[in-house]
Protein backbone atom coordinates (compact mmCIF):
# COMPACT_ATOMS: atom_id res chain seq x y z
CA MET A 1 24.14 -88.41 118.00
CA ASN A 2 21.88 -87.75 120.97
CA TYR A 3 22.81 -84.25 122.13
CA LYS A 4 20.99 -84.78 125.43
CA ASN A 5 23.89 -87.00 126.48
CA ILE A 6 26.34 -84.09 126.16
CA LYS A 7 26.35 -81.73 129.14
CA ILE A 8 27.67 -78.23 128.40
CA GLY A 9 28.51 -75.82 131.22
CA PHE A 10 29.21 -72.09 131.29
CA ILE A 11 31.30 -70.43 134.02
CA GLY A 12 31.85 -66.66 133.87
CA SER A 13 29.48 -64.23 132.23
CA MET A 14 30.83 -60.84 131.10
CA ASN A 15 27.75 -58.78 130.18
CA SER A 16 25.93 -62.14 129.88
CA MET A 17 27.56 -62.61 126.46
CA PRO A 18 28.02 -66.40 126.84
CA MET A 19 24.26 -66.78 127.31
CA ASN A 20 23.88 -66.07 123.57
CA TYR A 21 25.41 -69.49 122.92
CA ALA A 22 23.98 -71.28 125.95
CA LEU A 23 20.48 -70.62 124.61
CA LYS A 24 21.44 -71.96 121.19
CA PHE A 25 22.90 -75.16 122.66
CA LYS A 26 19.78 -75.61 124.77
CA GLU A 27 17.53 -75.05 121.76
CA ASP A 28 19.48 -77.74 119.89
CA GLY A 29 18.79 -80.27 122.66
CA PHE A 30 22.06 -80.24 124.62
CA ASP A 31 21.99 -80.53 128.41
CA VAL A 32 23.08 -77.03 129.50
CA LYS A 33 24.12 -75.66 132.89
CA TYR A 34 24.91 -71.94 133.30
CA ILE A 35 26.52 -70.21 136.29
CA VAL A 36 25.61 -66.61 137.19
CA GLU A 37 28.43 -65.31 139.40
CA SER A 38 27.43 -61.64 139.65
CA PRO A 39 25.41 -60.29 142.60
CA ARG A 40 21.97 -58.84 141.89
CA ASP A 41 23.11 -55.23 142.05
CA ASN A 42 25.52 -55.79 139.12
CA ILE A 43 22.68 -55.80 136.64
CA LEU A 44 24.68 -55.59 133.40
CA MET A 45 26.25 -58.98 134.13
CA ARG A 46 22.97 -60.81 134.74
CA PRO A 47 21.05 -62.59 131.96
CA GLU A 48 17.55 -61.43 132.92
CA ILE A 49 18.59 -57.89 131.93
CA HIS A 50 19.64 -58.96 128.43
CA PHE A 51 17.21 -61.75 127.52
CA LYS A 52 13.42 -61.50 127.66
CA SER A 53 13.09 -65.28 127.74
CA ILE A 54 14.95 -65.48 131.08
CA GLU A 55 13.19 -64.48 134.28
CA TYR A 56 14.30 -64.34 137.89
CA PRO A 57 14.10 -66.62 139.90
CA TYR A 58 15.98 -68.64 137.32
CA PRO A 59 14.98 -71.98 135.84
CA LYS A 60 16.85 -75.02 137.19
CA TRP A 61 19.52 -75.04 134.47
CA ILE A 62 20.77 -71.58 135.56
CA LYS A 63 22.60 -71.65 138.90
CA GLU A 64 23.40 -68.56 140.97
CA ILE A 65 26.77 -68.72 142.76
CA PRO A 66 27.72 -65.06 143.29
CA PHE A 67 30.76 -63.44 144.82
CA LYS A 68 31.21 -59.78 145.63
CA ASN A 69 34.58 -58.74 144.20
CA THR A 70 38.12 -59.68 143.21
CA LEU A 71 39.43 -59.63 146.79
CA PHE A 72 36.71 -62.08 147.85
CA ARG A 73 37.77 -64.42 145.07
CA LEU A 74 41.45 -64.09 145.96
CA PHE A 75 41.03 -64.77 149.67
CA PHE A 76 38.37 -67.46 149.28
CA ASN A 77 39.54 -68.97 145.99
CA LYS A 78 39.75 -72.51 147.39
CA TYR A 79 36.21 -72.35 148.77
CA TYR A 80 34.77 -70.76 145.63
CA THR A 81 36.61 -73.13 143.28
CA LYS A 82 35.46 -76.20 145.23
CA LYS A 83 31.86 -75.00 145.13
CA LEU A 84 31.95 -74.45 141.36
CA TYR A 85 33.87 -77.67 140.76
CA ASN A 86 31.29 -79.75 142.61
CA GLU A 87 28.51 -78.06 140.67
CA MET A 88 30.11 -78.52 137.22
CA LYS A 89 32.38 -81.60 137.43
CA ASP A 90 29.81 -83.77 135.59
CA CYS A 91 29.99 -81.58 132.46
CA ASP A 92 31.48 -82.92 129.23
CA VAL A 93 32.24 -79.42 127.97
CA ILE A 94 32.75 -76.12 129.83
CA PHE A 95 32.96 -72.60 128.39
CA PHE A 96 35.06 -70.33 130.63
CA ASN A 97 34.68 -66.55 130.45
CA HIS A 98 35.70 -63.58 132.63
CA TYR A 99 36.39 -64.89 136.18
CA GLY A 100 35.90 -68.45 134.96
CA HIS A 101 39.41 -68.49 133.46
CA ASN A 102 40.75 -68.18 137.00
CA ILE A 103 39.61 -71.69 137.92
CA SER A 104 39.53 -73.60 134.63
CA SER A 105 42.85 -75.36 135.27
CA TYR A 106 41.32 -77.14 138.29
CA PHE A 107 38.90 -79.10 136.13
CA ASP A 108 39.63 -82.59 134.85
CA LYS A 109 41.63 -82.89 131.62
CA LYS A 110 38.90 -85.18 130.27
CA ILE A 111 36.54 -82.20 130.09
CA ILE A 112 36.57 -80.26 126.81
CA LYS A 113 37.51 -76.75 127.93
CA ILE A 114 36.86 -73.61 125.92
CA ALA A 115 38.28 -70.18 126.80
CA MET A 116 35.80 -67.62 125.50
CA PHE A 117 37.25 -64.13 125.91
CA SER A 118 35.85 -60.70 126.46
CA GLY A 119 38.34 -57.89 125.84
CA ALA A 120 39.22 -57.36 129.51
CA ASP A 121 39.98 -61.07 130.02
CA LEU A 122 43.28 -60.62 128.20
CA TYR A 123 44.56 -57.05 128.21
CA GLU A 124 43.55 -56.53 131.83
CA LYS A 125 43.20 -59.85 133.63
CA CYS A 126 46.29 -61.46 132.05
CA ASN A 127 48.51 -58.41 131.99
CA TYR A 128 51.32 -58.28 134.58
CA ASN A 129 51.85 -54.59 133.75
CA ARG A 130 48.53 -53.73 135.41
CA ILE A 131 49.99 -54.61 138.83
CA GLU A 132 52.00 -51.38 139.11
CA LYS A 133 48.96 -49.38 138.04
CA GLU A 134 46.84 -51.04 140.73
CA ILE A 135 49.29 -50.50 143.58
CA LYS A 136 50.71 -47.07 142.75
CA ASP A 137 48.23 -45.21 145.00
CA SER A 138 49.12 -47.30 148.08
CA ASP A 139 51.49 -45.55 150.48
CA ASN A 140 51.67 -48.39 153.00
CA PHE A 141 54.54 -50.76 152.11
CA VAL A 142 52.83 -53.84 153.62
CA ILE A 143 49.55 -53.20 151.75
CA LYS A 144 51.50 -52.55 148.55
CA TYR A 145 53.43 -55.81 148.96
CA LEU A 146 50.29 -57.85 149.69
CA LYS A 147 48.41 -56.34 146.75
CA LYS A 148 51.30 -57.09 144.42
CA LYS A 149 51.54 -60.67 145.69
CA LEU A 150 47.79 -61.31 145.36
CA LEU A 151 47.51 -59.76 141.90
CA THR A 152 50.48 -61.81 140.67
CA ILE A 153 48.79 -64.98 141.95
CA ASP A 154 45.53 -63.90 140.26
CA ILE A 155 47.18 -63.31 136.87
CA ASP A 156 49.11 -66.59 137.15
CA ARG A 157 45.82 -68.43 137.70
CA TYR A 158 44.19 -66.75 134.72
CA ARG A 159 47.06 -67.68 132.43
CA LYS A 160 47.27 -71.23 133.73
CA GLY A 161 43.51 -71.64 133.26
CA ILE A 162 43.59 -70.40 129.68
CA ARG A 163 46.53 -72.67 128.83
CA SER A 164 44.57 -75.67 130.07
CA CYS A 165 41.91 -75.17 127.35
CA GLN A 166 41.76 -76.97 124.00
CA ILE A 167 39.73 -74.25 122.25
CA LEU A 168 40.22 -70.48 122.43
CA SER A 169 37.69 -67.99 121.09
CA TYR A 170 38.32 -64.28 120.71
CA PHE A 171 38.12 -61.39 118.26
CA PRO A 172 39.48 -61.72 114.71
CA VAL A 173 43.28 -61.71 114.75
CA GLY A 174 44.64 -58.16 114.54
CA MET A 175 41.67 -56.46 116.19
CA ASP A 176 43.33 -56.49 119.61
CA PRO A 177 47.12 -56.78 119.04
CA LEU A 178 47.79 -56.81 122.79
CA GLY A 179 45.31 -59.66 123.29
CA ASP A 180 46.89 -61.56 120.38
CA LYS A 181 50.27 -61.11 122.06
CA PHE A 182 49.00 -62.50 125.38
CA ILE A 183 47.48 -65.54 123.66
CA GLN A 184 50.86 -66.30 122.05
CA GLU A 185 52.64 -65.85 125.38
CA ILE A 186 50.19 -68.04 127.29
CA MET A 187 49.79 -70.89 124.80
CA GLY A 188 53.38 -71.03 123.59
CA ASN A 189 53.84 -74.15 121.44
CA LYS A 190 50.72 -75.89 122.75
CA PRO A 191 48.32 -76.72 119.88
CA PHE A 192 44.78 -75.34 120.16
CA ASN A 193 41.70 -74.65 118.05
CA TYR A 194 41.00 -70.92 117.52
CA ILE A 195 37.47 -69.70 116.77
CA GLN A 196 37.05 -66.04 115.82
CA LYS A 197 34.12 -64.33 117.51
CA PHE A 198 32.51 -60.99 116.65
CA ASP A 199 28.77 -61.46 116.58
CA MET A 200 25.34 -61.06 118.19
CA ASN A 201 22.28 -63.26 118.78
CA PHE A 202 19.61 -61.27 116.91
CA LYS A 203 16.98 -63.99 117.17
CA GLU A 204 16.93 -63.97 120.98
CA THR A 205 16.46 -60.19 121.14
CA GLY A 206 13.47 -60.37 118.79
CA LEU A 207 14.92 -57.55 116.69
CA ASP A 208 13.88 -56.81 113.16
CA TYR A 209 14.52 -54.10 110.60
CA VAL A 210 13.18 -50.67 111.55
CA GLY A 211 15.13 -48.39 109.25
CA ALA A 212 14.98 -44.62 108.96
CA ILE A 213 12.14 -42.79 110.66
CA LYS A 214 10.89 -39.19 110.51
CA ASN A 215 11.20 -37.64 113.96
CA LYS A 216 10.23 -34.06 114.75
CA ARG A 217 13.77 -33.62 116.02
CA MET A 218 16.87 -35.49 114.91
CA VAL A 219 17.58 -38.06 117.67
CA LEU A 220 21.23 -38.96 118.37
CA PHE A 221 21.95 -41.83 120.75
CA ALA A 222 25.34 -42.64 122.32
CA GLY A 223 25.06 -45.47 124.84
CA VAL A 224 28.82 -46.00 125.07
CA ARG A 225 30.31 -46.60 128.53
CA PHE A 226 32.23 -43.51 129.61
CA LEU A 227 36.01 -43.89 129.49
CA ILE A 228 37.43 -40.45 128.89
CA LYS A 229 40.39 -40.05 131.27
CA THR A 230 42.95 -41.77 129.05
CA ASN A 231 45.65 -41.55 131.72
CA LYS A 232 43.49 -43.75 133.97
CA CYS A 233 42.51 -46.41 131.46
CA ASN A 234 44.35 -48.77 129.17
CA PHE A 235 45.35 -47.18 125.82
CA PHE A 236 43.12 -49.67 124.04
CA GLU A 237 40.12 -49.03 126.34
CA TYR A 238 39.64 -45.36 125.39
CA LYS A 239 36.18 -45.07 123.83
CA GLY A 240 36.22 -41.50 122.54
CA ASN A 241 33.12 -40.25 124.38
CA ASP A 242 34.65 -36.77 124.54
CA LEU A 243 35.03 -36.70 120.74
CA ILE A 244 31.35 -37.55 120.30
CA ILE A 245 30.25 -34.78 122.70
CA LYS A 246 32.48 -32.19 120.98
CA ALA A 247 31.20 -33.21 117.53
CA VAL A 248 27.55 -33.02 118.63
CA ALA A 249 28.21 -29.54 120.07
CA LYS A 250 29.64 -28.43 116.73
CA TYR A 251 26.70 -29.96 114.87
CA TYR A 252 24.26 -28.16 117.18
CA ILE A 253 25.60 -24.85 115.83
CA ILE A 254 24.48 -26.01 112.35
CA ASN A 255 21.25 -27.81 113.31
CA LYS A 256 19.35 -26.69 116.42
CA ASN A 257 16.62 -29.28 115.89
CA ILE A 258 18.34 -32.22 117.64
CA GLU A 259 18.29 -34.13 120.91
CA PHE A 260 21.25 -36.05 122.30
CA HIS A 261 20.84 -39.19 124.46
CA LEU A 262 23.54 -40.47 126.82
CA VAL A 263 23.65 -43.20 129.47
CA ASN A 264 24.97 -42.99 133.05
CA LYS A 265 27.36 -45.88 132.46
CA GLY A 266 31.01 -45.83 133.52
CA SER A 267 33.04 -44.32 136.33
CA LYS A 268 31.51 -41.49 138.36
CA GLU A 269 34.48 -39.28 137.50
CA ASP A 270 34.08 -39.81 133.76
CA ILE A 271 30.32 -39.24 133.85
CA GLU A 272 30.82 -35.98 135.76
CA THR A 273 33.48 -34.96 133.22
CA ALA A 274 31.02 -35.65 130.39
CA LYS A 275 28.21 -33.67 132.03
CA LYS A 276 30.54 -30.71 132.55
CA MET A 277 31.59 -30.93 128.89
CA CYS A 278 27.94 -30.84 127.77
CA LYS A 279 27.34 -27.76 129.95
CA ASP A 280 30.52 -25.94 128.89
CA LEU A 281 29.87 -26.64 125.19
CA GLY A 282 26.27 -25.39 125.35
CA ILE A 283 24.40 -28.68 124.73
CA GLU A 284 23.21 -29.39 128.29
CA ASP A 285 19.60 -28.45 127.43
CA ILE A 286 19.36 -30.86 124.49
CA THR A 287 21.08 -33.73 126.31
CA ILE A 288 18.89 -36.45 127.87
CA TRP A 289 20.54 -38.76 130.40
CA HIS A 290 19.31 -42.32 130.98
CA ASP A 291 20.14 -44.73 133.78
CA VAL A 292 21.39 -48.23 132.94
CA MET A 293 18.38 -50.29 131.87
CA PRO A 294 17.44 -53.76 130.61
CA LEU A 295 18.61 -54.40 127.05
CA TYR A 296 15.09 -54.60 125.64
CA ASP A 297 14.24 -51.13 127.03
CA PHE A 298 17.52 -49.86 125.62
CA LEU A 299 16.66 -51.23 122.18
CA GLU A 300 13.24 -49.52 122.25
CA LEU A 301 15.12 -46.21 122.50
CA TYR A 302 17.36 -47.32 119.65
CA LYS A 303 14.36 -47.92 117.42
CA LYS A 304 13.29 -44.29 117.89
CA SER A 305 16.76 -42.91 117.11
CA ASP A 306 18.04 -41.46 113.84
CA VAL A 307 21.77 -41.97 114.42
CA ILE A 308 23.58 -44.41 116.73
CA PHE A 309 27.09 -43.87 118.10
CA ASP A 310 29.45 -46.60 119.16
CA GLN A 311 33.08 -46.26 120.22
CA VAL A 312 35.16 -43.84 118.17
CA GLY A 313 38.31 -44.29 120.28
CA ARG A 314 40.96 -46.98 119.90
CA HIS A 315 38.76 -49.93 120.79
CA LEU A 316 36.24 -51.54 118.44
CA MET A 317 32.55 -51.38 117.77
CA GLY A 318 30.60 -53.60 120.17
CA GLY A 319 27.03 -54.68 120.82
CA LEU A 320 25.70 -51.12 120.71
CA GLY A 321 26.79 -50.61 117.13
CA ILE A 322 25.88 -54.12 116.05
CA TYR A 323 22.29 -53.74 117.26
CA GLY A 324 22.12 -50.36 115.51
CA LEU A 325 23.26 -51.89 112.23
CA TYR A 326 20.70 -54.70 112.45
CA LEU A 327 17.88 -52.22 113.18
CA GLY A 328 18.83 -50.37 110.01
CA LYS A 329 20.28 -47.25 111.59
CA PRO A 330 23.35 -45.26 110.53
CA VAL A 331 26.10 -46.18 113.00
CA ILE A 332 29.03 -43.80 113.58
CA ALA A 333 32.00 -45.68 115.05
CA ASN A 334 35.64 -46.61 114.63
CA ALA A 335 35.01 -49.31 112.04
CA ARG A 336 38.54 -50.72 112.44
CA LEU A 337 38.86 -51.05 108.68
CA ASP A 338 42.46 -52.23 109.18
CA VAL A 339 40.99 -55.48 110.52
CA PHE A 340 37.54 -55.87 109.05
CA GLU A 341 38.29 -55.14 105.40
CA ASN A 342 40.34 -58.36 105.43
CA ILE A 343 37.31 -60.25 106.78
CA TRP A 344 34.27 -58.55 105.24
CA GLY A 345 35.71 -56.77 102.21
CA ARG A 346 35.54 -53.05 101.48
CA ASP A 347 31.78 -52.55 101.34
CA ILE A 348 31.34 -51.92 105.09
CA PRO A 349 28.42 -49.52 105.82
CA ILE A 350 29.68 -48.41 109.28
CA LEU A 351 30.25 -44.64 109.17
CA ASN A 352 33.91 -44.71 110.11
CA ALA A 353 35.12 -41.94 112.42
CA THR A 354 37.94 -41.39 114.91
CA SER A 355 37.96 -37.59 115.08
CA VAL A 356 35.59 -34.72 115.83
CA ASP A 357 35.55 -33.53 112.21
CA GLU A 358 34.83 -37.01 110.82
CA ILE A 359 31.91 -37.42 113.25
CA LEU A 360 30.62 -33.95 112.35
CA ASN A 361 30.70 -34.69 108.61
CA HIS A 362 28.71 -37.88 109.12
CA LEU A 363 26.11 -36.01 111.19
CA ILE A 364 25.74 -33.43 108.42
CA ASP A 365 25.12 -36.24 105.89
CA CYS A 366 22.67 -37.97 108.24
CA LYS A 367 20.36 -34.96 108.36
CA SER A 368 18.94 -36.27 105.08
CA TYR A 369 16.17 -38.86 105.56
CA GLU A 370 16.99 -40.39 102.18
CA TYR A 371 20.64 -40.83 103.19
CA ARG A 372 19.70 -42.45 106.52
CA GLU A 373 17.32 -44.79 104.72
CA LYS A 374 19.97 -45.80 102.17
CA ILE A 375 22.66 -46.41 104.81
CA GLY A 376 20.16 -48.16 107.11
CA LYS A 377 19.16 -50.72 104.50
CA LYS A 378 22.80 -51.53 103.74
CA SER A 379 23.55 -51.75 107.47
CA HIS A 380 20.77 -54.25 108.19
CA LYS A 381 21.73 -56.46 105.25
CA PHE A 382 25.39 -56.34 106.30
CA ALA A 383 24.71 -57.26 109.95
CA LYS A 384 22.39 -60.12 109.00
CA LYS A 385 25.00 -61.58 106.65
CA ASN A 386 28.19 -61.07 108.68
CA ILE A 387 27.48 -60.64 112.40
CA ASP A 388 24.71 -63.11 113.30
CA SER A 389 25.96 -65.45 116.05
CA GLU A 390 24.57 -68.51 114.27
CA LYS A 391 27.81 -68.80 112.30
CA THR A 392 29.98 -68.76 115.46
CA TYR A 393 27.64 -71.17 117.22
CA LYS A 394 27.99 -73.68 114.37
CA GLN A 395 31.79 -73.48 114.70
CA TYR A 396 31.57 -74.12 118.46
CA LYS A 397 29.20 -77.01 117.91
CA SER A 398 31.34 -78.59 115.20
CA ALA A 399 34.55 -78.30 117.26
CA ILE A 400 32.85 -79.75 120.35
CA LEU A 401 31.30 -82.70 118.52
CA ASP A 402 34.64 -83.46 116.86
CA LEU A 403 36.54 -83.51 120.19
CA TYR A 404 33.71 -85.37 121.93
CA SER A 405 33.70 -88.09 119.25
CA LYS A 406 37.49 -88.51 119.53
CA LYS A 407 37.23 -88.71 123.31
CA LYS A 408 34.61 -91.44 123.12
CA SER A 409 36.34 -93.50 120.41
């Protein structure tokens, strides 16, 4: 089959995650078209920040059709949808992610449609319960009514868009019970192909094994987005940043020869809360704050680190931890053994922790170079075997070719 005859589009780009697969399809010879919908100041959503091979201005196959915010999309949905539809209507296959779900139902049924989820696509964007949370601070009855009406329309569109797809792709079943519930609600009895996705494109980042290193000071790196105020975020979103800070403060009493790296990523309120915690707990002087940066600069800091933290809250390990594993670093995170032992078996090298004491115990173990080297080697081998996106890509490709063949026959 000549892959050049199959045009694959991508609409919606949460943290540029779909670009991992767009590059693989392009490398395999497919005709690819990718939409960047985020404005230039939203750097984490733009591919040039994550992929060295992509430069701005973009090549012709990457189209920039940005919008500012949710209200813009709600008020100008018809205009925005028409613009995207005209740009992508010649595609044979379209991957929808993030805001893309909102308009996927408008595309022709002849197009093979794939709903590729990020966490927030389901438990936030498809959740009617979030409406009350969004409008509770509005005192004006008219504004409250309009907000409620618009958000209901928005969620309806998301759900309708997802239901229009033949293939759904999300985390392994059980990892996000709320997301699983929404998928069941939305799809009902409609048959669909489900492709589990928990992976990373290591080839594109140019990463290789680094392993344990001998720093003058023990370097701890926690690049997790700050979500501390649990009453202001979804139960499942809580990332446990406060637990990490408290554990590092306790470890500092034992080992003064450390430095602690954090990133100014998250709400202003949560970042200020974290900085106050560092000061109050006596670790302000050893804490180094970084601004959000391109992924490749971020990974250079990772290479120089001794221990990597990912989320220790109720969510799941993400790209931060996965990159750490592949580099051969000890990664302290909520390993979600309740889910992953059923997929990967029991020999999972992630240093599982969901409490201050568990984090502290791992830090004590990681003081040993020999221990970090041992865990690092296991981590790299594990990531290479289980989390490389090549496996997921092959599933996408197989499912697409199967549906495309049936459509043409």
